[in-house]
């Protein structure tokens, strides 16, 4: 089922500078009403040469999106793969290159639609009235296992999946001697964690380190690939829609949730900037506005995580000294 109004994703000249003639591959783009779908629409309706729509489980929505993009005259194709499975990733390599006319993607957007339903991290469930100790132990154990399984899926997808996609497509860019830009989709919760979603917050923090790690590992070949991370606030998607009217969820960051076309337009604005300006950067989308939430001011801010070192007097006063071996 395809529900968005596609014309909302036609943004004008600035967006064309971001997407025109690009071979775009987007992970996690299949879910209807999701951020990945919004990026695919933005790319396709603003001049992209081809758009690869990746999904794992959301195959029906993914095929519907591909059909919609083709109706707009865009070369689009579906890619079903588990990005946490190296064999799945490698298997899609030649297919994607073939669909893109014999060249690898020039823009890879590492996105994941996964989050957590939420649980109290580090706190056991409260006792129930008249519940035996044995029953409570069984209930707490089951909740513990299910909660960590939920977090593990998010962590695997965001960390293993993004690393695998990076390793694959950066390698192809170097091999084909073609420039590649990679964008990692993170969250505001990476630097300002909300309650109940520990795996989501931790995995999005890890995403922020990928551009620098990639550059260091590419060494002399780093000129082929530029990369940066984006940190989004709350966006109304199929997963967050139930919280769209709950200010306790998003209220400390913004007057209302952004719509996916608003997020995609802001993303296109950032993407239109030069590699020199964006490479290795972390960029947060900030949302301000009136209390009513009718008028929003949406701006980009650069995030810097400055590492400092402070001498510990007690350690300096009594250093461990070792002789030669």
Protein backbone atom coordinates (compact mmCIF):
# COMPACT_ATOMS: atom_id res chain seq x y z
CA UNK A 1 0.00 0.00 0.00
CA UNK A 2 1.35 3.42 -0.98
CA UNK A 3 -0.14 6.32 1.00
CA UNK A 4 2.03 9.49 0.63
CA UNK A 5 1.14 12.34 -1.72
CA UNK A 6 4.11 12.09 -4.07
CA UNK A 7 3.95 15.69 -5.30
CA UNK A 8 4.87 16.89 -1.81
CA UNK A 9 8.36 15.56 -2.47
CA UNK A 10 9.07 17.84 -5.44
CA UNK A 11 11.21 20.53 -3.84
CA UNK A 12 12.81 22.73 -6.51
CA UNK A 13 16.29 23.73 -7.60
CA UNK A 14 18.08 23.19 -4.28
CA UNK A 15 16.90 19.58 -4.17
CA UNK A 16 18.01 19.04 -7.75
CA UNK A 17 21.51 20.04 -6.73
CA UNK A 18 21.35 17.25 -4.14
CA UNK A 19 19.96 14.44 -6.26
CA UNK A 20 20.28 15.23 -9.97
CA UNK A 21 22.00 12.44 -11.96
CA UNK A 22 22.75 10.50 -8.78
CA UNK A 23 22.60 6.72 -8.52
CA UNK A 24 20.91 6.40 -5.14
CA UNK A 25 20.70 3.35 -2.91
CA UNK A 26 18.68 3.60 0.31
CA UNK A 27 18.56 0.93 2.99
CA UNK A 28 15.35 0.52 4.97
CA UNK A 29 13.30 2.28 2.30
CA UNK A 30 10.43 -0.19 2.01
CA UNK A 31 8.14 0.73 4.90
CA UNK A 32 5.18 2.85 3.85
CA UNK A 33 5.17 6.20 5.62
CA UNK A 34 8.81 5.80 6.70
CA UNK A 35 11.85 8.06 6.44
CA UNK A 36 13.56 5.79 3.92
CA UNK A 37 10.52 5.94 1.65
CA UNK A 38 10.57 9.75 1.94
CA UNK A 39 14.23 9.86 0.86
CA UNK A 40 13.48 7.60 -2.11
CA UNK A 41 10.63 9.88 -3.21
CA UNK A 42 12.76 12.99 -2.75
CA UNK A 43 15.59 11.51 -4.81
CA UNK A 44 13.34 10.21 -7.58
CA UNK A 45 11.24 13.36 -7.93
CA UNK A 46 14.22 15.69 -7.93
CA UNK A 47 16.38 14.32 -10.69
CA UNK A 48 18.02 11.08 -9.53
CA UNK A 49 19.20 8.83 -12.35
CA UNK A 50 18.19 5.65 -10.52
CA UNK A 51 16.88 4.69 -7.07
CA UNK A 52 17.44 1.34 -5.37
CA UNK A 53 14.74 0.62 -2.78
CA UNK A 54 16.06 -1.76 -0.13
CA UNK A 55 13.86 -3.66 2.32
CA UNK A 56 14.05 -6.81 4.38
CA UNK A 57 10.54 -7.70 5.50
CA UNK A 58 8.39 -4.86 4.10
CA UNK A 59 8.33 -6.31 0.61
CA UNK A 60 4.75 -5.34 -0.27
CA UNK A 61 5.33 -1.68 0.63
CA UNK A 62 8.71 -1.81 -1.11
CA UNK A 63 7.27 -3.02 -4.40
CA UNK A 64 4.48 -0.45 -4.18
CA UNK A 65 7.08 2.30 -3.79
CA UNK A 66 9.07 1.06 -6.78
CA UNK A 67 5.90 1.05 -8.87
CA UNK A 68 5.13 4.63 -7.82
CA UNK A 69 8.62 5.81 -8.72
CA UNK A 70 8.39 4.10 -12.10
CA UNK A 71 5.10 5.92 -12.72
CA UNK A 72 7.11 9.11 -12.45
CA UNK A 73 9.54 7.87 -15.08
CA UNK A 74 12.38 7.03 -12.72
CA UNK A 75 14.60 3.96 -13.04
CA UNK A 76 13.81 2.26 -9.73
CA UNK A 77 14.25 -1.31 -8.55
CA UNK A 78 13.62 -3.37 -5.40
CA UNK A 79 16.39 -4.98 -3.32
CA UNK A 80 15.41 -7.49 -0.66
CA UNK A 81 18.27 -8.29 1.72
CA UNK A 82 19.13 -8.69 5.37
CA UNK A 83 21.86 -6.08 5.85
CA UNK A 84 23.11 -7.90 8.95
CA UNK A 85 23.85 -10.98 6.83
CA UNK A 86 27.13 -10.59 4.84
CA UNK A 87 26.05 -13.21 2.29
CA UNK A 88 22.81 -11.36 1.61
CA UNK A 89 24.70 -8.10 1.19
CA UNK A 90 27.25 -9.59 -1.18
CA UNK A 91 24.55 -11.34 -3.20
CA UNK A 92 22.83 -8.03 -4.02
CA UNK A 93 26.06 -6.35 -5.19
CA UNK A 94 26.11 -7.34 -8.87
CA UNK A 95 22.33 -6.91 -9.19
CA UNK A 96 22.43 -3.32 -7.91
CA UNK A 97 25.35 -2.42 -10.19
CA UNK A 98 23.56 -3.96 -13.18
CA UNK A 99 20.35 -2.05 -12.42
CA UNK A 100 22.37 1.17 -12.19
CA UNK A 101 23.80 0.80 -15.68
CA UNK A 102 27.05 -0.92 -14.79
CA UNK A 103 28.20 1.46 -12.06
CA UNK A 104 27.90 1.31 -8.26
CA UNK A 105 25.78 3.80 -6.32
CA UNK A 106 27.03 7.37 -6.10
CA UNK A 107 24.88 8.10 -3.03
CA UNK A 108 24.20 5.52 -0.31
CA UNK A 109 21.81 6.45 2.49
CA UNK A 110 22.17 4.08 5.43
CA UNK A 111 18.77 4.21 7.07
CA UNK A 112 16.94 1.86 9.39
CA UNK A 113 13.28 1.99 10.32
CA UNK A 114 13.75 -0.01 13.51
CA UNK A 115 13.22 1.32 17.01
CA UNK A 116 12.12 -0.18 20.33
CA UNK A 117 8.65 -0.43 21.82
CA UNK A 118 10.32 0.56 25.07
CA UNK A 119 11.23 -0.94 28.42
CA UNK A 120 12.70 0.23 31.73
CA UNK A 121 16.43 -0.29 31.22
CA UNK A 122 18.14 -1.44 34.41
CA UNK A 123 14.90 -1.78 36.38
CA UNK A 124 12.99 -4.97 37.12
CA UNK A 125 9.24 -5.17 36.71
CA UNK A 126 7.18 -4.16 39.71
CA UNK A 127 5.61 -6.95 41.78
CA UNK A 128 1.97 -7.79 41.22
CA UNK A 129 -0.49 -8.24 44.03
CA UNK A 130 -0.86 -11.86 45.12
CA UNK A 131 1.91 -12.95 42.72
CA UNK A 132 4.11 -15.75 44.04
CA UNK A 133 7.87 -15.29 44.10
CA UNK A 134 8.32 -18.08 41.55
CA UNK A 135 5.77 -16.49 39.21
CA UNK A 136 7.45 -13.09 39.53
CA UNK A 137 10.85 -14.58 38.73
CA UNK A 138 9.45 -16.23 35.61
CA UNK A 139 7.73 -13.02 34.48
CA UNK A 140 10.82 -10.85 35.08
CA UNK A 141 13.05 -13.35 33.28
CA UNK A 142 10.80 -13.42 30.23
CA UNK A 143 10.58 -9.62 30.14
CA UNK A 144 14.38 -9.41 30.45
CA UNK A 145 14.92 -11.76 27.50
CA UNK A 146 12.31 -10.13 25.27
CA UNK A 147 13.62 -6.63 26.02
CA UNK A 148 17.21 -7.50 25.14
CA UNK A 149 16.12 -9.37 22.01
CA UNK A 150 14.39 -6.17 20.91
CA UNK A 151 17.52 -4.11 21.58
CA UNK A 152 19.76 -6.66 19.86
CA UNK A 153 17.79 -6.37 16.62
CA UNK A 154 18.18 -2.60 16.61
CA UNK A 155 21.88 -2.80 17.50
CA UNK A 156 22.60 -5.42 14.84
CA UNK A 157 20.81 -3.48 12.12
CA UNK A 158 22.25 -0.06 12.92
CA UNK A 159 25.80 -1.20 13.65
CA UNK A 160 26.40 -4.43 11.72
CA UNK A 161 24.09 -3.42 8.88
CA UNK A 162 25.56 0.05 8.42
CA UNK A 163 29.12 -1.29 8.68
CA UNK A 164 28.38 -4.02 6.14
CA UNK A 165 26.79 -1.60 3.68
CA UNK A 166 29.74 0.76 4.09
CA UNK A 167 32.31 -1.97 3.55
CA UNK A 168 30.55 -3.17 0.41
CA UNK A 169 29.86 0.11 -1.37
CA UNK A 170 33.02 1.95 -0.37
CA UNK A 171 34.98 -1.00 -1.75
CA UNK A 172 33.07 -0.84 -5.03
CA UNK A 173 33.63 2.92 -5.30
CA UNK A 174 37.38 2.42 -4.99
CA UNK A 175 37.36 -0.50 -7.44
CA UNK A 176 35.32 1.35 -10.08
CA UNK A 177 37.17 4.63 -9.41
CA UNK A 178 33.80 6.34 -8.90
CA UNK A 179 33.01 8.98 -6.24
CA UNK A 180 30.64 7.93 -3.47
CA UNK A 181 28.83 9.89 -0.78
CA UNK A 182 27.49 7.99 2.24
CA UNK A 183 24.94 9.41 4.66
CA UNK A 184 24.28 7.71 7.99
CA UNK A 185 20.87 8.36 9.52
CA UNK A 186 21.15 8.74 13.27
CA UNK A 187 18.88 10.30 15.88
CA UNK A 188 18.83 13.20 18.30
CA UNK A 189 18.58 10.53 20.97
CA UNK A 190 22.21 9.57 20.28
CA UNK A 191 23.34 12.72 22.10
CA UNK A 192 20.28 13.28 24.30
CA UNK A 193 18.92 9.82 25.16
CA UNK A 194 15.25 9.44 25.94
CA UNK A 195 13.97 6.81 28.37
CA UNK A 196 13.01 3.24 27.48
CA UNK A 197 14.99 2.88 24.22
CA UNK A 198 18.56 1.98 25.27
CA UNK A 199 19.48 -0.09 22.21
CA UNK A 200 18.22 2.64 19.91
CA UNK A 201 20.20 5.38 21.70
CA UNK A 202 23.41 3.33 21.84
CA UNK A 203 23.27 2.19 18.21
CA UNK A 204 22.66 5.73 16.99
CA UNK A 205 25.67 6.91 18.97
CA UNK A 206 27.80 4.30 17.21
CA UNK A 207 26.57 5.55 13.84
CA UNK A 208 28.15 8.95 14.53
CA UNK A 209 31.63 7.40 14.51
CA UNK A 210 31.37 5.69 11.12
CA UNK A 211 32.51 8.57 8.85
CA UNK A 212 35.78 9.06 10.71
CA UNK A 213 36.42 5.32 11.07
CA UNK A 214 35.84 4.87 7.33
CA UNK A 215 38.19 7.69 6.38
CA UNK A 216 40.99 6.35 8.58
CA UNK A 217 40.64 2.87 7.11
CA UNK A 218 40.49 4.03 3.49
CA UNK A 219 43.80 5.87 3.90
CA UNK A 220 45.07 7.11 0.53
CA UNK A 221 41.82 5.99 -1.11
CA UNK A 222 39.71 8.21 1.17
CA UNK A 223 39.32 10.74 -1.63
CA UNK A 224 36.87 8.36 -3.33
CA UNK A 225 34.36 8.42 -0.47
CA UNK A 226 32.86 11.22 1.62
CA UNK A 227 30.57 10.50 4.55
CA UNK A 228 28.59 12.27 7.24
CA UNK A 229 25.84 11.60 9.79
CA UNK A 230 22.48 13.28 10.31
CA UNK A 231 20.64 13.40 13.63
CA UNK A 232 16.88 13.73 13.25
CA UNK A 233 14.33 14.71 15.89
CA UNK A 234 10.88 13.09 16.09
CA UNK A 235 9.30 12.49 12.69
CA UNK A 236 5.78 11.19 12.17
CA UNK A 237 6.11 7.75 10.61
CA UNK A 238 4.10 4.56 10.72
CA UNK A 239 5.99 3.68 13.92
CA UNK A 240 5.68 7.03 15.72
CA UNK A 241 2.19 8.03 14.58
CA UNK A 242 0.62 6.75 17.79
CA UNK A 243 2.71 9.30 19.72
CA UNK A 244 2.09 12.22 17.36
CA UNK A 245 -0.32 13.93 19.78
CA UNK A 246 1.59 13.00 22.92
CA UNK A 247 3.77 15.98 23.84
CA UNK A 248 5.42 13.98 26.62
CA UNK A 249 7.21 12.02 23.90
CA UNK A 250 8.50 14.81 21.65
CA UNK A 251 7.72 18.02 23.54
CA UNK A 252 11.17 18.67 24.99
CA UNK A 253 12.63 18.85 21.50
CA UNK A 254 9.96 20.35 19.22
CA UNK A 255 6.42 21.80 19.13
CA UNK A 256 5.15 18.98 16.88
CA UNK A 257 6.49 16.02 14.98
CA UNK A 258 7.86 16.70 11.52
CA UNK A 259 6.08 15.13 8.56
CA UNK A 260 8.21 12.90 6.33
CA UNK A 261 8.10 15.35 3.39
CA UNK A 262 9.31 18.14 5.70
CA UNK A 263 12.18 15.95 6.87
CA UNK A 264 13.05 14.99 3.29
CA UNK A 265 13.08 18.62 2.14
CA UNK A 266 15.44 19.61 4.95
CA UNK A 267 17.62 16.60 4.10
CA UNK A 268 17.81 17.72 0.46
CA UNK A 269 18.85 21.19 1.60
CA UNK A 270 21.77 19.72 3.56
CA UNK A 271 22.70 17.26 0.83
CA UNK A 272 23.03 20.10 -1.69
CA UNK A 273 26.06 21.42 0.20
CA UNK A 274 29.57 20.49 -0.95
CA UNK A 275 31.56 17.48 0.21
CA UNK A 276 34.17 19.80 1.68
CA UNK A 277 31.50 21.28 3.93
CA UNK A 278 29.86 17.99 4.98
CA UNK A 279 32.58 15.33 5.00
CA UNK A 280 33.10 13.72 8.44
CA UNK A 281 30.44 16.00 9.94
CA UNK A 282 27.50 15.39 12.27
CA UNK A 283 24.44 17.52 11.53
CA UNK A 284 21.39 17.86 13.74
CA UNK A 285 18.01 18.97 12.44
CA UNK A 286 16.54 21.44 14.93
CA UNK A 287 12.82 22.26 15.05
CA UNK A 288 11.48 25.40 16.72
CA UNK A 289 8.16 27.17 16.50
CA UNK A 290 5.09 28.61 18.15
CA UNK A 291 3.34 26.80 20.98
CA UNK A 292 0.49 25.94 18.63
CA UNK A 293 2.92 24.10 16.38
CA UNK A 294 1.48 25.71 13.23
CA UNK A 295 4.62 27.55 12.15
CA UNK A 296 7.94 25.76 12.37
CA UNK A 297 11.50 26.95 11.97
CA UNK A 298 13.62 24.04 10.75
CA UNK A 299 17.38 24.57 10.72
CA UNK A 300 20.56 22.52 10.60
CA UNK A 301 23.21 22.68 13.31
CA UNK A 302 26.64 21.10 13.27
CA UNK A 303 27.36 18.82 16.22
CA UNK A 304 30.86 18.53 17.62
CA UNK A 305 31.88 15.91 20.14
CA UNK A 306 35.11 17.32 21.47
CA UNK A 307 37.37 14.86 23.26
CA UNK A 308 39.41 16.30 26.12
CA UNK A 309 42.05 14.84 28.43
CA UNK A 310 42.52 15.89 32.05
CA UNK A 311 45.55 14.82 34.05
CA UNK A 312 44.75 12.81 37.19
CA UNK A 313 46.99 14.13 39.96
CA UNK A 314 46.93 10.90 41.94
CA UNK A 315 48.14 8.93 38.93
CA UNK A 316 50.79 11.48 37.97
CA UNK A 317 52.10 11.48 41.53
CA UNK A 318 52.64 7.71 41.54
CA UNK A 319 53.13 6.49 37.96
CA UNK A 320 53.78 2.83 37.27
CA UNK A 321 57.36 2.63 35.96
CA UNK A 322 58.63 -0.39 34.03
CA UNK A 323 62.11 -1.15 32.86
CA UNK A 324 63.04 -2.56 29.48
CA UNK A 325 62.10 -6.15 28.77
